[in-house]
PDB file of N, CA and C in Angstrom:
ATOM      1  N   UNK A   1       2.649   5.048  -7.297  1.00  0.00           N
ATOM      2  CA  UNK A   1       2.016   3.756  -7.127  1.00  0.00           C
ATOM      3  C   UNK A   1       3.081   2.681  -6.938  1.00  0.00           C
ATOM      4  N   UNK A   2       4.268   2.947  -7.452  1.00  0.00           N
ATOM      5  CA  UNK A   2       5.344   1.972  -7.302  1.00  0.00           C
ATOM      6  C   UNK A   2       5.724   1.794  -5.839  1.00  0.00           C
ATOM      7  N   UNK A   3       5.675   2.880  -5.074  1.00  0.00           N
ATOM      8  CA  UNK A   3       5.969   2.801  -3.639  1.00  0.00           C
ATOM      9  C   UNK A   3       4.968   1.860  -2.973  1.00  0.00           C
ATOM     10  N   UNK A   4       3.719   1.945  -3.366  1.00  0.00           N
ATOM     11  CA  UNK A   4       2.680   1.092  -2.804  1.00  0.00           C
ATOM     12  C   UNK A   4       2.947  -0.380  -3.124  1.00  0.00           C
ATOM     13  N   UNK A   5       3.230  -0.692  -4.374  1.00  0.00           N
ATOM     14  CA  UNK A   5       3.428  -2.083  -4.771  1.00  0.00           C
ATOM     15  C   UNK A   5       4.660  -2.705  -4.124  1.00  0.00           C
ATOM     16  N   UNK A   6       5.751  -1.990  -4.105  1.00  0.00           N
ATOM     17  CA  UNK A   6       6.987  -2.530  -3.527  1.00  0.00           C
ATOM     18  C   UNK A   6       6.799  -2.799  -2.041  1.00  0.00           C
ATOM     19  N   UNK A   7       6.196  -1.865  -1.337  1.00  0.00           N
ATOM     20  CA  UNK A   7       6.025  -2.038   0.102  1.00  0.00           C
ATOM     21  C   UNK A   7       4.922  -3.025   0.451  1.00  0.00           C
ATOM     22  N   UNK A   8       4.016  -3.273  -0.466  1.00  0.00           N
ATOM     23  CA  UNK A   8       3.013  -4.303  -0.260  1.00  0.00           C
ATOM     24  C   UNK A   8       3.695  -5.673  -0.173  1.00  0.00           C
ATOM     25  N   UNK A   9       4.643  -5.922  -1.072  1.00  0.00           N
ATOM     26  CA  UNK A   9       5.382  -7.177  -1.046  1.00  0.00           C
ATOM     27  C   UNK A   9       6.338  -7.232   0.144  1.00  0.00           C
ATOM     28  N   UNK A  10       6.921  -6.094   0.512  1.00  0.00           N
ATOM     29  CA  UNK A  10       7.806  -6.059   1.675  1.00  0.00           C
ATOM     30  C   UNK A  10       7.050  -6.395   2.947  1.00  0.00           C
ATOM     31  N   UNK A  11       5.819  -5.921   3.075  1.00  0.00           N
ATOM     32  CA  UNK A  11       5.011  -6.209   4.268  1.00  0.00           C
ATOM     33  C   UNK A  11       4.721  -7.702   4.368  1.00  0.00           C
ATOM     34  N   UNK A  12       4.417  -8.334   3.253  1.00  0.00           N
ATOM     35  CA  UNK A  12       4.166  -9.778   3.270  1.00  0.00           C
ATOM     36  C   UNK A  12       5.436 -10.533   3.649  1.00  0.00           C
ATOM     37  N   UNK A  13       6.565 -10.072   3.177  1.00  0.00           N
ATOM     38  CA  UNK A  13       7.827 -10.743   3.472  1.00  0.00           C
ATOM     39  C   UNK A  13       8.237 -10.590   4.930  1.00  0.00           C
ATOM     40  N   UNK A  14       7.823  -9.511   5.585  1.00  0.00           N
ATOM     41  CA  UNK A  14       8.222  -9.248   6.968  1.00  0.00           C
ATOM     42  C   UNK A  14       7.083  -9.532   7.942  1.00  0.00           C
ATOM     43  N   UNK A  15       6.448 -10.677   7.788  1.00  0.00           N
ATOM     44  CA  UNK A  15       5.440 -11.084   8.762  1.00  0.00           C
ATOM     45  C   UNK A  15       6.128 -11.818   9.909  1.00  0.00           C
ATOM     46  N   UNK A  16       5.455 -11.952  11.017  1.00  0.00           N
ATOM     47  CA  UNK A  16       6.034 -12.599  12.187  1.00  0.00           C
ATOM     48  C   UNK A  16       6.222 -14.090  11.935  1.00  0.00           C
ATOM     49  N   UNK A  17       7.122 -14.693  12.692  1.00  0.00           N
ATOM     50  CA  UNK A  17       7.357 -16.133  12.576  1.00  0.00           C
ATOM     51  C   UNK A  17       6.082 -16.892  12.917  1.00  0.00           C
ATOM     52  N   UNK A  18       5.800 -17.882  12.148  1.00  0.00           N
ATOM     53  CA  UNK A  18       4.621 -18.714  12.380  1.00  0.00           C
ATOM     54  C   UNK A  18       3.366 -18.242  11.673  1.00  0.00           C
ATOM     55  N   UNK A  19       3.398 -17.070  11.069  1.00  0.00           N
ATOM     56  CA  UNK A  19       2.237 -16.575  10.322  1.00  0.00           C
ATOM     57  C   UNK A  19       2.350 -17.102   8.897  1.00  0.00           C
ATOM     58  N   UNK A  20       1.391 -17.929   8.469  1.00  0.00           N
ATOM     59  CA  UNK A  20       1.485 -18.503   7.116  1.00  0.00           C
ATOM     60  C   UNK A  20       1.229 -17.452   6.042  1.00  0.00           C
ATOM     61  N   UNK A  21       1.819 -17.672   4.880  1.00  0.00           N
ATOM     62  CA  UNK A  21       1.627 -16.725   3.779  1.00  0.00           C
ATOM     63  C   UNK A  21       0.201 -16.837   3.224  1.00  0.00           C
ATOM     64  N   UNK A  22      -0.363 -18.034   3.229  1.00  0.00           N
ATOM     65  CA  UNK A  22      -1.754 -18.257   2.838  1.00  0.00           C
ATOM     66  C   UNK A  22      -2.500 -18.849   4.035  1.00  0.00           C
ATOM     67  N   UNK A  23      -3.223 -18.018   4.820  1.00  0.00           N
ATOM     68  CA  UNK A  23      -3.937 -18.545   5.982  1.00  0.00           C
ATOM     69  C   UNK A  23      -4.980 -19.604   5.614  1.00  0.00           C
ATOM     70  N   UNK A  24      -5.617 -19.452   4.478  1.00  0.00           N
ATOM     71  CA  UNK A  24      -6.526 -20.465   3.937  1.00  0.00           C
ATOM     72  C   UNK A  24      -6.472 -20.364   2.416  1.00  0.00           C
ATOM     73  N   UNK A  25      -7.074 -21.293   1.741  1.00  0.00           N
ATOM     74  CA  UNK A  25      -6.934 -21.366   0.291  1.00  0.00           C
ATOM     75  C   UNK A  25      -7.581 -20.202  -0.440  1.00  0.00           C
ATOM     76  N   UNK A  26      -8.520 -19.508   0.192  1.00  0.00           N
ATOM     77  CA  UNK A  26      -9.230 -18.422  -0.495  1.00  0.00           C
ATOM     78  C   UNK A  26      -8.773 -17.023  -0.073  1.00  0.00           C
ATOM     79  N   UNK A  27      -7.795 -16.924   0.813  1.00  0.00           N
ATOM     80  CA  UNK A  27      -7.339 -15.607   1.272  1.00  0.00           C
ATOM     81  C   UNK A  27      -6.078 -15.172   0.537  1.00  0.00           C
ATOM     82  N   UNK A  28      -6.000 -13.891   0.298  1.00  0.00           N
ATOM     83  CA  UNK A  28      -4.826 -13.308  -0.341  1.00  0.00           C
ATOM     84  C   UNK A  28      -3.727 -13.063   0.691  1.00  0.00           C
ATOM     85  N   UNK A  29      -2.472 -13.227   0.312  1.00  0.00           N
ATOM     86  CA  UNK A  29      -1.400 -12.913   1.252  1.00  0.00           C
ATOM     87  C   UNK A  29      -1.345 -11.425   1.604  1.00  0.00           C
ATOM     88  N   UNK A  30      -1.934 -10.576   0.781  1.00  0.00           N
ATOM     89  CA  UNK A  30      -1.898  -9.142   1.017  1.00  0.00           C
ATOM     90  C   UNK A  30      -2.933  -8.687   2.047  1.00  0.00           C
ATOM     91  N   UNK A  31      -3.784  -9.593   2.512  1.00  0.00           N
ATOM     92  CA  UNK A  31      -4.714  -9.256   3.596  1.00  0.00           C
ATOM     93  C   UNK A  31      -3.967  -8.946   4.883  1.00  0.00           C
ATOM     94  N   UNK A  32      -2.707  -9.330   4.951  1.00  0.00           N
ATOM     95  CA  UNK A  32      -1.908  -9.055   6.143  1.00  0.00           C
ATOM     96  C   UNK A  32      -1.730  -7.552   6.354  1.00  0.00           C
ATOM     97  N   UNK A  33      -1.918  -6.762   5.318  1.00  0.00           N
ATOM     98  CA  UNK A  33      -1.849  -5.307   5.464  1.00  0.00           C
ATOM     99  C   UNK A  33      -2.916  -4.784   6.419  1.00  0.00           C
ATOM    100  N   UNK A  34      -4.004  -5.522   6.560  1.00  0.00           N
ATOM    101  CA  UNK A  34      -5.101  -5.104   7.430  1.00  0.00           C
ATOM    102  C   UNK A  34      -5.083  -5.844   8.768  1.00  0.00           C
ATOM    103  N   UNK A  35      -3.993  -6.566   9.036  1.00  0.00           N
ATOM    104  CA  UNK A  35      -3.814  -7.272  10.300  1.00  0.00           C
ATOM    105  C   UNK A  35      -2.427  -6.934  10.853  1.00  0.00           C
ATOM    106  N   UNK A  36      -2.249  -5.714  11.362  1.00  0.00           N
ATOM    107  CA  UNK A  36      -0.917  -5.267  11.761  1.00  0.00           C
ATOM    108  C   UNK A  36      -0.298  -6.059  12.910  1.00  0.00           C
ATOM    109  N   UNK A  37      -1.104  -6.779  13.676  1.00  0.00           N
ATOM    110  CA  UNK A  37      -0.547  -7.559  14.788  1.00  0.00           C
ATOM    111  C   UNK A  37       0.292  -8.732  14.294  1.00  0.00           C
ATOM    112  N   UNK A  38       0.169  -9.077  13.019  1.00  0.00           N
ATOM    113  CA  UNK A  38       0.919 -10.196  12.460  1.00  0.00           C
ATOM    114  C   UNK A  38       2.205  -9.761  11.762  1.00  0.00           C
ATOM    115  N   UNK A  39       2.549  -8.468  11.849  1.00  0.00           N
ATOM    116  CA  UNK A  39       3.731  -7.938  11.169  1.00  0.00           C
ATOM    117  C   UNK A  39       4.835  -7.601  12.163  1.00  0.00           C
ATOM    118  N   UNK A  40       6.085  -7.731  11.716  1.00  0.00           N
ATOM    119  CA  UNK A  40       7.222  -7.293  12.516  1.00  0.00           C
ATOM    120  C   UNK A  40       7.339  -5.775  12.405  1.00  0.00           C
ATOM    121  N   UNK A  41       8.320  -5.206  13.071  1.00  0.00           N
ATOM    122  CA  UNK A  41       8.521  -3.754  12.989  1.00  0.00           C
ATOM    123  C   UNK A  41       8.828  -3.320  11.558  1.00  0.00           C
ATOM    124  N   UNK A  42       9.622  -4.119  10.845  1.00  0.00           N
ATOM    125  CA  UNK A  42       9.911  -3.793   9.443  1.00  0.00           C
ATOM    126  C   UNK A  42       8.652  -3.921   8.591  1.00  0.00           C
ATOM    127  N   UNK A  43       7.822  -4.901   8.898  1.00  0.00           N
ATOM    128  CA  UNK A  43       6.562  -5.069   8.183  1.00  0.00           C
ATOM    129  C   UNK A  43       5.608  -3.916   8.428  1.00  0.00           C
ATOM    130  N   UNK A  44       5.585  -3.411   9.665  1.00  0.00           N
ATOM    131  CA  UNK A  44       4.738  -2.257   9.973  1.00  0.00           C
ATOM    132  C   UNK A  44       5.217  -1.009   9.236  1.00  0.00           C
ATOM    133  N   UNK A  45       6.525  -0.864   9.120  1.00  0.00           N
ATOM    134  CA  UNK A  45       7.069   0.264   8.370  1.00  0.00           C
ATOM    135  C   UNK A  45       6.696   0.150   6.891  1.00  0.00           C
ATOM    136  N   UNK A  46       6.801  -1.051   6.335  1.00  0.00           N
ATOM    137  CA  UNK A  46       6.431  -1.265   4.934  1.00  0.00           C
ATOM    138  C   UNK A  46       4.938  -1.022   4.730  1.00  0.00           C
ATOM    139  N   UNK A  47       4.125  -1.423   5.699  1.00  0.00           N
ATOM    140  CA  UNK A  47       2.679  -1.192   5.632  1.00  0.00           C
ATOM    141  C   UNK A  47       2.381   0.294   5.597  1.00  0.00           C
ATOM    142  N   UNK A  48       3.049   1.045   6.455  1.00  0.00           N
ATOM    143  CA  UNK A  48       2.857   2.494   6.506  1.00  0.00           C
ATOM    144  C   UNK A  48       3.225   3.118   5.164  1.00  0.00           C
ATOM    145  N   UNK A  49       4.363   2.735   4.597  1.00  0.00           N
ATOM    146  CA  UNK A  49       4.787   3.298   3.314  1.00  0.00           C
ATOM    147  C   UNK A  49       3.870   2.867   2.177  1.00  0.00           C
ATOM    148  N   UNK A  50       3.293   1.691   2.278  1.00  0.00           N
ATOM    149  CA  UNK A  50       2.328   1.250   1.269  1.00  0.00           C
ATOM    150  C   UNK A  50       1.115   2.171   1.263  1.00  0.00           C
ATOM    151  N   UNK A  51       0.604   2.491   2.449  1.00  0.00           N
ATOM    152  CA  UNK A  51      -0.549   3.383   2.521  1.00  0.00           C
ATOM    153  C   UNK A  51      -0.184   4.809   2.133  1.00  0.00           C
ATOM    154  N   UNK A  52       1.031   5.256   2.455  1.00  0.00           N
ATOM    155  CA  UNK A  52       1.479   6.578   1.997  1.00  0.00           C
ATOM    156  C   UNK A  52       1.520   6.626   0.466  1.00  0.00           C
ATOM    157  N   UNK A  53       2.035   5.581  -0.153  1.00  0.00           N
ATOM    158  CA  UNK A  53       2.104   5.531  -1.619  1.00  0.00           C
ATOM    159  C   UNK A  53       0.728   5.526  -2.251  1.00  0.00           C
ATOM    160  N   UNK A  54      -0.199   4.794  -1.646  1.00  0.00           N
ATOM    161  CA  UNK A  54      -1.563   4.733  -2.170  1.00  0.00           C
ATOM    162  C   UNK A  54      -2.250   6.092  -2.050  1.00  0.00           C
ATOM    163  N   UNK A  55      -2.114   6.707  -0.880  1.00  0.00           N
ATOM    164  CA  UNK A  55      -2.718   8.028  -0.681  1.00  0.00           C
ATOM    165  C   UNK A  55      -2.075   9.084  -1.561  1.00  0.00           C
ATOM    166  N   UNK A  56      -0.759   9.036  -1.689  1.00  0.00           N
ATOM    167  CA  UNK A  56      -0.048   9.994  -2.523  1.00  0.00           C
ATOM    168  C   UNK A  56      -0.454   9.909  -3.981  1.00  0.00           C
ATOM    169  N   UNK A  57      -0.713   8.697  -4.459  1.00  0.00           N
ATOM    170  CA  UNK A  57      -1.163   8.509  -5.836  1.00  0.00           C
ATOM    171  C   UNK A  57      -2.458   9.280  -6.092  1.00  0.00           C
ATOM    172  N   UNK A  58      -3.427   9.145  -5.181  1.00  0.00           N
ATOM    173  CA  UNK A  58      -4.704   9.820  -5.359  1.00  0.00           C
ATOM    174  C   UNK A  58      -4.599  11.318  -5.147  1.00  0.00           C
ATOM    175  N   UNK A  59      -3.780  11.741  -4.196  1.00  0.00           N
ATOM    176  CA  UNK A  59      -3.611  13.175  -3.944  1.00  0.00           C
ATOM    177  C   UNK A  59      -2.980  13.870  -5.145  1.00  0.00           C
ATOM    178  N   UNK A  60      -1.900  13.295  -5.676  1.00  0.00           N
ATOM    179  CA  UNK A  60      -1.245  13.923  -6.824  1.00  0.00           C
ATOM    180  C   UNK A  60      -2.089  13.832  -8.084  1.00  0.00           C
ATOM    181  N   UNK A  61      -2.896  12.800  -8.210  1.00  0.00           N
ATOM    182  CA  UNK A  61      -3.829  12.732  -9.330  1.00  0.00           C
ATOM    183  C   UNK A  61      -4.858  13.848  -9.259  1.00  0.00           C
ATOM    184  N   UNK A  62      -5.367  14.100  -8.057  1.00  0.00           N
ATOM    185  CA  UNK A  62      -6.342  15.179  -7.872  1.00  0.00           C
ATOM    186  C   UNK A  62      -5.697  16.542  -8.121  1.00  0.00           C
ATOM    187  N   UNK A  63      -4.455  16.714  -7.679  1.00  0.00           N
ATOM    188  CA  UNK A  63      -3.739  17.972  -7.920  1.00  0.00           C
ATOM    189  C   UNK A  63      -3.533  18.183  -9.421  1.00  0.00           C
ATOM    190  N   UNK A  64      -3.173  17.138 -10.133  1.00  0.00           N
ATOM    191  CA  UNK A  64      -2.971  17.257 -11.578  1.00  0.00           C
ATOM    192  C   UNK A  64      -4.273  17.622 -12.291  1.00  0.00           C
ATOM    193  N   UNK A  65      -5.390  17.028 -11.869  1.00  0.00           N
ATOM    194  CA  UNK A  65      -6.674  17.377 -12.481  1.00  0.00           C
ATOM    195  C   UNK A  65      -7.064  18.814 -12.154  1.00  0.00           C
ATOM    196  N   UNK A  66      -6.812  19.243 -10.923  1.00  0.00           N
ATOM    197  CA  UNK A  66      -7.135  20.626 -10.550  1.00  0.00           C
ATOM    198  C   UNK A  66      -6.306  21.615 -11.357  1.00  0.00           C
ATOM    199  N   UNK A  67      -5.033  21.330 -11.546  1.00  0.00           N
ATOM    200  CA  UNK A  67      -4.186  22.217 -12.354  1.00  0.00           C
ATOM    201  C   UNK A  67      -4.688  22.258 -13.782  1.00  0.00           C
ATOM    202  N   UNK A  68      -5.076  21.114 -14.307  1.00  0.00           N
ATOM    203  CA  UNK A  68      -5.613  21.072 -15.668  1.00  0.00           C
ATOM    204  C   UNK A  68      -6.885  21.876 -15.820  1.00  0.00           C
ATOM    205  N   UNK A  69      -7.753  21.779 -14.831  1.00  0.00           N
ATOM    206  CA  UNK A  69      -9.002  22.548 -14.886  1.00  0.00           C
ATOM    207  C   UNK A  69      -8.757  24.040 -14.703  1.00  0.00           C
ATOM    208  N   UNK A  70      -7.883  24.390 -13.789  1.00  0.00           N
ATOM    209  CA  UNK A  70      -7.645  25.813 -13.507  1.00  0.00           C
ATOM    210  C   UNK A  70      -6.887  26.526 -14.642  1.00  0.00           C
ATOM    211  N   UNK A  71      -6.039  25.835 -15.341  1.00  0.00           N
ATOM    212  CA  UNK A  71      -5.278  26.465 -16.412  1.00  0.00           C
ATOM    213  C   UNK A  71      -5.999  26.368 -17.763  1.00  0.00           C
ATOM    214  N   UNK A  72      -7.078  25.626 -17.834  1.00  0.00           N
ATOM    215  CA  UNK A  72      -7.821  25.515 -19.092  1.00  0.00           C
ATOM    216  C   UNK A  72      -7.295  24.435 -20.014  1.00  0.00           C
ATOM    217  N   UNK A  73      -6.344  23.659 -19.596  1.00  0.00           N
ATOM    218  CA  UNK A  73      -5.802  22.595 -20.444  1.00  0.00           C
ATOM    219  C   UNK A  73      -6.813  21.472 -20.629  1.00  0.00           C
ATOM    220  N   UNK A  74      -7.686  21.296 -19.674  1.00  0.00           N
ATOM    221  CA  UNK A  74      -8.654  20.196 -19.714  1.00  0.00           C
ATOM    222  C   UNK A  74      -9.806  20.442 -20.685  1.00  0.00           C
ATOM    223  N   UNK A  75      -9.912  21.621 -21.248  1.00  0.00           N
ATOM    224  CA  UNK A  75     -11.032  21.932 -22.148  1.00  0.00           C
ATOM    225  C   UNK A  75     -10.750  21.425 -23.513  1.00  0.00           C
TER     226      UNK A  75
END
C-alpha cells in the first residue's frame, strides 16, 4: 500500500504546467489520477505504479487469506 500512497503524491506533483492543484474548492487533488491527459510522462509513470500498488495490495491479501484457509490456520 505504501507504493500506492507514494506514487499518488508523485502523480499530483508531476502534473502538466498550468494544471491547478485544486481545480475547484470541492475537488481533491488526487482526482488527477483519473485524468491522465493532465499528467506529464513522469506523472503517468507514477499513476501506473499507484494502480499497481493498489492492485498488488488486494491480490496479496487474497493470497494470504487463501493460504490461511488451505492450511487450516484460519479455523
